[in-house]
Protein backbone atom coordinates (compact mmCIF):
# COMPACT_ATOMS: atom_id res chain seq x y z
CA MET A 1 80.33 1.91 -58.21
CA ALA A 2 82.12 4.13 -56.16
CA THR A 3 85.17 5.67 -57.18
CA PHE A 4 86.23 6.40 -53.52
CA PHE A 5 85.78 5.26 -49.85
CA GLY A 6 82.73 6.53 -48.52
CA GLU A 7 81.36 8.02 -51.65
CA VAL A 8 77.42 7.63 -51.60
CA VAL A 9 76.01 6.03 -54.52
CA VAL A 10 72.41 6.04 -55.40
CA ALA A 11 71.42 2.91 -56.72
CA PRO A 12 69.12 2.73 -59.37
CA SER A 13 65.41 2.01 -58.01
CA ARG A 14 61.76 1.36 -59.75
CA ALA A 15 60.21 1.97 -56.32
CA GLY A 16 57.48 4.34 -57.05
CA VAL A 17 57.49 3.59 -61.09
CA ASP A 18 55.10 1.49 -62.37
CA ASP A 19 55.70 -0.98 -65.16
CA GLU A 20 54.27 1.24 -67.93
CA GLU A 21 55.85 4.08 -66.81
CA TRP A 22 59.39 2.45 -66.92
CA ALA A 23 58.64 0.72 -70.39
CA GLU A 24 57.66 4.04 -71.65
CA GLU A 25 61.39 5.68 -70.43
CA ALA A 26 62.80 3.07 -71.85
CA ARG A 27 61.53 2.76 -75.20
CA GLU A 28 62.77 5.55 -78.05
CA GLU A 29 60.80 7.82 -79.53
CA THR A 30 60.31 6.45 -83.18
CA PRO A 31 60.27 8.97 -86.31
CA GLU A 32 56.29 7.55 -86.77
CA ASP A 33 55.56 8.46 -83.29
CA ARG A 34 57.32 12.22 -83.66
CA GLU A 35 55.04 12.16 -86.85
CA ILE A 36 51.55 11.37 -84.69
CA ARG A 37 52.68 13.31 -82.16
CA ARG A 38 53.17 16.85 -84.12
CA GLU A 39 49.83 15.81 -86.25
CA LEU A 40 47.92 15.84 -82.87
CA GLU A 41 49.46 18.98 -81.82
CA LYS A 42 48.23 20.27 -85.17
CA LYS A 43 44.94 19.09 -84.75
CA ARG A 44 45.02 20.76 -81.01
CA GLU A 45 45.95 24.26 -82.25
CA ILE A 46 43.41 27.00 -81.86
CA ASP A 47 42.25 29.44 -84.65
CA VAL A 48 40.80 32.53 -83.85
CA LEU A 49 39.17 34.25 -87.04
CA TRP A 50 38.62 37.82 -86.68
CA THR A 51 36.52 39.14 -89.35
CA LEU A 52 34.00 41.81 -90.09
CA LYS A 53 30.55 40.84 -92.37
CA SER A 54 32.17 43.46 -95.02
CA GLY A 55 34.92 41.26 -94.64
CA ALA A 56 37.81 43.55 -93.42
CA SER A 57 40.10 42.89 -90.58
CA LEU A 58 39.30 43.89 -86.97
CA GLU A 59 43.45 45.01 -86.93
CA SER A 60 44.69 47.67 -88.45
CA SER A 61 46.26 48.06 -91.77
CA ALA A 62 49.47 47.85 -89.54
CA GLY A 63 48.81 44.64 -87.92
CA GLN A 64 48.61 46.67 -84.75
CA PRO A 65 46.20 45.27 -81.71
CA PHE A 66 42.97 46.93 -81.91
CA VAL A 67 41.81 49.11 -78.79
CA CYS A 68 39.21 47.11 -76.53
CA SER A 69 37.82 49.07 -73.48
CA LYS A 70 35.39 46.41 -72.32
CA PHE A 71 35.54 42.56 -72.94
CA ILE A 72 32.71 40.29 -71.40
CA VAL A 73 33.01 36.72 -71.60
CA ALA A 74 30.50 34.41 -70.87
CA ILE A 75 32.00 30.56 -70.68
CA GLY A 76 29.24 27.79 -70.36
CA HIS A 77 25.97 27.50 -72.00
CA ASN A 78 23.84 28.99 -69.15
CA ALA A 79 26.35 32.20 -69.30
CA ALA A 80 26.18 32.69 -72.87
CA ALA A 81 22.20 31.90 -72.86
CA PHE A 82 22.16 34.90 -70.36
CA LEU A 83 23.63 37.19 -72.93
CA SER A 84 21.84 35.70 -75.62
CA SER A 85 18.81 36.91 -73.56
CA PHE A 86 19.64 40.35 -71.32
CA ILE A 87 22.58 41.42 -73.94
CA LEU A 88 22.95 40.45 -77.39
CA ASP A 89 20.42 41.31 -80.13
CA SER A 90 21.24 41.52 -84.00
CA VAL A 91 20.33 45.41 -84.24
CA CYS A 92 23.12 46.68 -81.61
CA TRP A 93 25.81 44.02 -81.91
CA GLU A 94 27.78 42.10 -84.99
CA VAL A 95 29.95 39.19 -85.31
CA VAL A 96 33.55 39.80 -85.90
CA GLY A 97 35.43 36.38 -84.82
CA VAL A 98 34.99 32.59 -84.11
CA VAL A 99 37.38 30.23 -82.61
CA LYS A 100 38.16 26.87 -84.55
CA LEU A 101 39.14 24.39 -82.12
CA TRP A 102 39.47 20.67 -81.39
CA ASN A 103 39.88 18.44 -78.70
CA GLU A 104 38.46 15.24 -77.09
CA TRP A 105 35.10 16.71 -75.48
CA CYS A 106 34.03 18.87 -78.82
CA ARG A 107 34.76 20.55 -81.96
CA THR A 108 33.92 23.99 -83.20
CA SER A 109 33.93 25.46 -86.51
CA ASN A 110 34.14 28.72 -88.26
CA THR A 111 30.29 28.90 -88.73
CA THR A 112 28.25 31.88 -87.08
CA ASN A 113 24.94 29.82 -87.03
CA VAL A 114 24.53 28.18 -84.16
CA LEU A 115 22.07 26.86 -81.82
CA PRO A 116 22.08 27.53 -78.01
CA THR A 117 22.91 23.47 -77.37
CA ASP A 118 26.11 23.94 -79.92
CA SER A 119 29.67 23.66 -79.16
CA PHE A 120 31.18 27.07 -80.26
CA CYS A 121 33.12 30.36 -79.26
CA LEU A 122 31.77 33.67 -81.02
CA PHE A 123 32.79 36.88 -80.90
CA TYR A 124 30.71 40.31 -80.87
CA ARG A 125 31.04 43.99 -81.37
CA LEU A 126 29.03 46.78 -80.21
CA ILE A 127 27.94 48.75 -82.97
CA SER A 128 27.84 52.08 -81.22
CA ASP A 129 31.04 51.71 -79.54
CA PRO A 130 33.51 49.40 -81.29
CA THR A 131 35.64 49.22 -78.17
CA VAL A 132 33.26 46.95 -76.30
CA LEU A 133 33.59 43.56 -76.98
CA LEU A 134 31.67 40.02 -75.92
CA CYS A 135 32.76 36.64 -76.04
CA GLN A 136 30.41 33.90 -75.73
CA CYS A 137 32.22 30.42 -75.54
CA SER A 138 30.06 27.25 -74.38
CA CYS A 139 32.80 24.75 -75.84
CA TYR A 140 35.26 23.16 -74.12
CA VAL A 141 38.65 24.64 -73.76
CA ALA A 142 40.97 21.66 -72.47
CA GLU A 143 43.89 22.69 -70.31
CA ASP A 144 46.69 22.44 -72.87
CA GLN A 145 44.80 24.83 -75.15
CA GLN A 146 43.89 27.61 -72.53
CA PHE A 147 47.22 29.28 -73.09
CA GLN A 148 46.43 29.33 -76.83
CA TRP A 149 43.45 30.75 -76.26
CA LEU A 150 44.58 33.60 -74.07
CA GLU A 151 47.42 34.34 -76.20
CA LYS A 152 45.65 34.45 -79.72
CA VAL A 153 42.28 36.39 -78.23
CA PHE A 154 44.14 38.82 -75.83
CA GLY A 155 46.87 39.17 -78.19
CA CYS A 156 45.02 40.95 -80.41
CA MET A 157 43.84 43.57 -78.06
CA GLN A 158 45.43 46.51 -76.53
CA LYS A 159 45.62 45.85 -73.00
CA GLU A 160 46.08 49.52 -71.89
CA GLY A 161 42.97 50.41 -70.66
CA LEU A 162 41.15 47.22 -70.96
CA GLN A 163 38.86 45.43 -68.25
CA VAL A 164 37.47 42.24 -68.48
CA THR A 165 33.94 40.81 -67.07
CA ILE A 166 33.94 36.56 -66.50
CA LEU A 167 30.35 35.00 -66.53
CA SER A 168 30.61 31.55 -65.84
CA THR A 169 28.68 28.48 -64.07
CA CYS A 170 30.07 25.91 -61.53
CA PRO A 171 28.25 22.91 -59.64
CA VAL A 172 27.27 23.60 -56.06
CA ALA A 173 28.95 20.59 -55.19
CA ASP A 174 32.37 22.25 -55.68
CA TYR A 175 31.13 25.25 -53.23
CA LYS A 176 33.54 24.54 -49.66
CA THR A 177 31.76 25.73 -46.70
CA GLN A 178 31.25 24.47 -43.35
CA GLU A 179 27.32 24.31 -44.24
CA SER A 180 25.79 21.48 -45.99
CA THR A 181 25.58 21.86 -49.85
CA LEU A 182 21.83 20.49 -49.41
CA THR A 183 21.02 23.58 -47.34
CA LEU A 184 22.32 26.14 -49.87
CA PRO A 185 19.99 28.40 -51.95
CA ALA A 186 21.03 27.34 -55.19
CA PRO A 187 21.95 29.16 -57.81
CA PHE A 188 24.14 31.73 -56.50
CA LEU A 189 26.54 34.21 -57.41
CA LYS A 190 30.20 34.38 -56.18
CA ALA A 191 33.12 36.75 -57.59
CA LEU A 192 36.60 36.95 -57.53
CA LYS A 193 38.30 39.92 -58.75
CA THR A 194 42.28 41.11 -59.42
CA LYS A 195 43.61 43.52 -57.40
CA GLU A 196 43.42 46.18 -60.30
CA PHE A 197 39.77 45.77 -60.21
CA LYS A 198 38.10 49.13 -58.40
CA GLU A 199 34.85 49.18 -59.22
CA GLN A 200 32.00 48.01 -56.51
CA ILE A 201 31.24 44.09 -57.44
CA CYS A 202 27.49 42.48 -57.14
CA CYS A 203 27.58 39.71 -55.44
CA PRO A 204 29.49 38.13 -52.21
CA LEU A 205 33.40 37.53 -53.20
CA LEU A 206 34.50 33.71 -52.90
CA GLU A 207 35.49 32.93 -49.42
CA GLN A 208 38.51 30.55 -48.80
CA PRO A 209 39.35 27.67 -49.64
CA ASN A 210 37.31 28.00 -52.70
CA ILE A 211 39.18 27.96 -55.81
CA VAL A 212 38.01 28.51 -59.87
CA ARG A 213 39.52 26.06 -62.44
CA ASP A 214 39.34 25.82 -66.25
CA LEU A 215 39.07 28.86 -68.97
CA PRO A 216 37.59 31.31 -66.08
CA ALA A 217 40.36 30.85 -63.98
CA ALA A 218 43.10 31.15 -66.65
CA VAL A 219 41.52 34.34 -68.33
CA LEU A 220 41.31 35.63 -64.55
CA SER A 221 44.78 34.96 -64.10
CA TYR A 222 46.26 35.98 -67.24
CA CYS A 223 44.30 39.13 -66.10
CA GLN A 224 45.82 39.45 -62.72
CA VAL A 225 49.47 38.86 -64.58
CA TRP A 226 48.81 41.47 -67.01
CA GLN A 227 47.45 43.71 -64.39
CA ILE A 228 44.05 44.53 -66.38
CA PRO A 229 41.35 44.91 -63.91
CA ALA A 230 39.18 41.85 -63.87
CA VAL A 231 36.17 40.21 -62.04
CA LEU A 232 34.64 36.60 -62.36
CA TYR A 233 31.20 36.09 -61.36
CA GLN A 234 30.61 32.36 -60.81
CA CYS A 235 27.33 30.82 -60.70
CA TYR A 236 26.84 28.25 -58.04
CA THR A 237 24.10 25.56 -59.82
CA ASP A 238 22.93 22.21 -59.08
CA GLY A 239 21.75 22.24 -62.78
CA ILE A 240 24.08 20.41 -65.28
CA LYS A 241 22.08 21.74 -68.32
CA LEU A 242 20.28 25.12 -69.59
CA ASP A 243 17.80 26.00 -67.75
CA THR A 244 15.73 28.68 -66.70
CA VAL A 245 16.50 29.20 -62.88
CA THR A 246 20.50 29.34 -63.54
CA VAL A 247 20.24 31.62 -66.37
CA GLU A 248 17.92 34.16 -64.16
CA ALA A 249 20.79 33.78 -61.43
CA PHE A 250 22.75 36.43 -63.47
CA ARG A 251 20.20 39.10 -63.49
CA PRO A 252 21.35 40.72 -60.58
CA LEU A 253 24.79 41.73 -62.73
CA LEU A 254 22.18 43.76 -64.84
CA SER A 255 22.80 46.55 -62.49
CA CYS A 256 26.38 46.41 -62.51
CA LYS A 257 28.17 49.14 -63.90
CA ILE A 258 29.80 47.61 -67.06
CA LEU A 259 26.59 45.81 -67.97
CA ASN A 260 23.95 48.29 -67.23
CA SER A 261 24.36 50.35 -70.19
CA LEU A 262 23.97 47.17 -72.73
CA VAL A 263 20.71 45.82 -70.96
CA LYS A 264 18.00 45.59 -73.56
CA ASP A 265 13.99 45.57 -73.06
CA VAL A 266 13.76 43.01 -70.21
CA SER A 267 10.44 41.73 -70.94
CA GLU A 268 11.84 41.00 -74.93
CA SER A 269 14.46 39.34 -72.81
CA THR A 270 12.38 37.24 -71.01
CA LYS A 271 10.80 36.11 -74.38
CA ILE A 272 13.83 35.13 -75.78
CA LEU A 273 15.21 33.28 -72.84
CA LYS A 274 12.31 31.10 -73.63
CA LYS A 275 12.76 30.84 -76.79
CA LEU A 276 16.30 29.50 -76.38
CA LEU A 277 14.95 27.09 -73.56
CA THR A 278 12.51 25.69 -76.26
CA THR A 279 15.02 25.46 -78.75
CA ASN A 280 16.93 23.16 -76.43
CA GLU A 281 14.28 21.11 -75.17
CA ILE A 282 13.38 20.35 -78.83
CA HIS A 283 17.45 19.70 -79.90
CA ASN A 284 17.50 17.27 -76.62
CA ASN A 285 14.15 15.19 -77.50
CA ILE A 286 15.20 14.48 -81.07
CA TYR A 287 18.99 13.09 -79.72
CA ILE A 288 16.89 11.19 -77.16
C-alpha cells in the first residue's frame, strides 16, 4: 500500500519463479531439515592426512607449514598414469599423504594401495629432496569441495619459493576453434599459466575464448590469487578412459625444467605404462 500520492510501490510477483522455488522459499527450515543439512555437509568434508611411513607428521613440531619448492599435481586417470609411468617409483618416492572425500560421483579412503582405475588422491615426496611434492588425483572433487581441497592442501605448504605444475585432460569437443574438432590432431597439449610463471612452457598457450574448469582451474586460480608461479598443461583428447595415446601425449613435458630432473628410465616407463593399461583392461572386463 502506498503511503503518499505518487509513491512507486512494487507489487509482489511470482514472475520468473516456478512453483517449486516459491514453495521452497515459503517453507521454513525445520530442525530435522537443519540436522540433515549439517550431516550432509559433514559427510562432504574433505580430510587431508599427512603422514610418513614412520608415522611422523610432515609438519614441524610447531605446526608450521612445511617447505615445498615444487608441487606437481596430476588430475585425472591419464595424467596420474603419466606420472606413474615416467616419474614415480617406490625407490625414489614415498607416500606422505592421502585425501579422504565423499560426493555423489566418488568415494576415497585412506588406503594407499590403489589400482589405476580406482578413485584416489595421494601425495608423494621425493626422498632425495623432501621439498619436491607430487599429487595424483584421479577422483572427482565436486565444485563445493574444491575450496576445501585448496585450503587444506596448500594451507600446509609455505607459499614462498613454491612453484606449481598441473597436468589434466579435457574432451577435445570442449576446445573452441574456427576449425572442425574432427580435423584436430587429438590428443594435443595446451598451456595456461599465472603471471608469475616465467619459465619457458613446453607447448602452445591456450587461446581465447577457451576456458578451463573444475579442480585444474581452481588450483590455477588459487595460485594466481596468491601470486604463486604455476602452469597448467591440459591435454585435449577424444578418449574418455585410460589409454596409451592420451598418456603418451604428455611426453613432451619431460623436457620441461621442472620434470626433466625427475624422469626415470624411459624404457622401464614404457613397460610400466603397458602394465597399468593391462591392469585397467582386466579390471574393466571383470565389471562388464
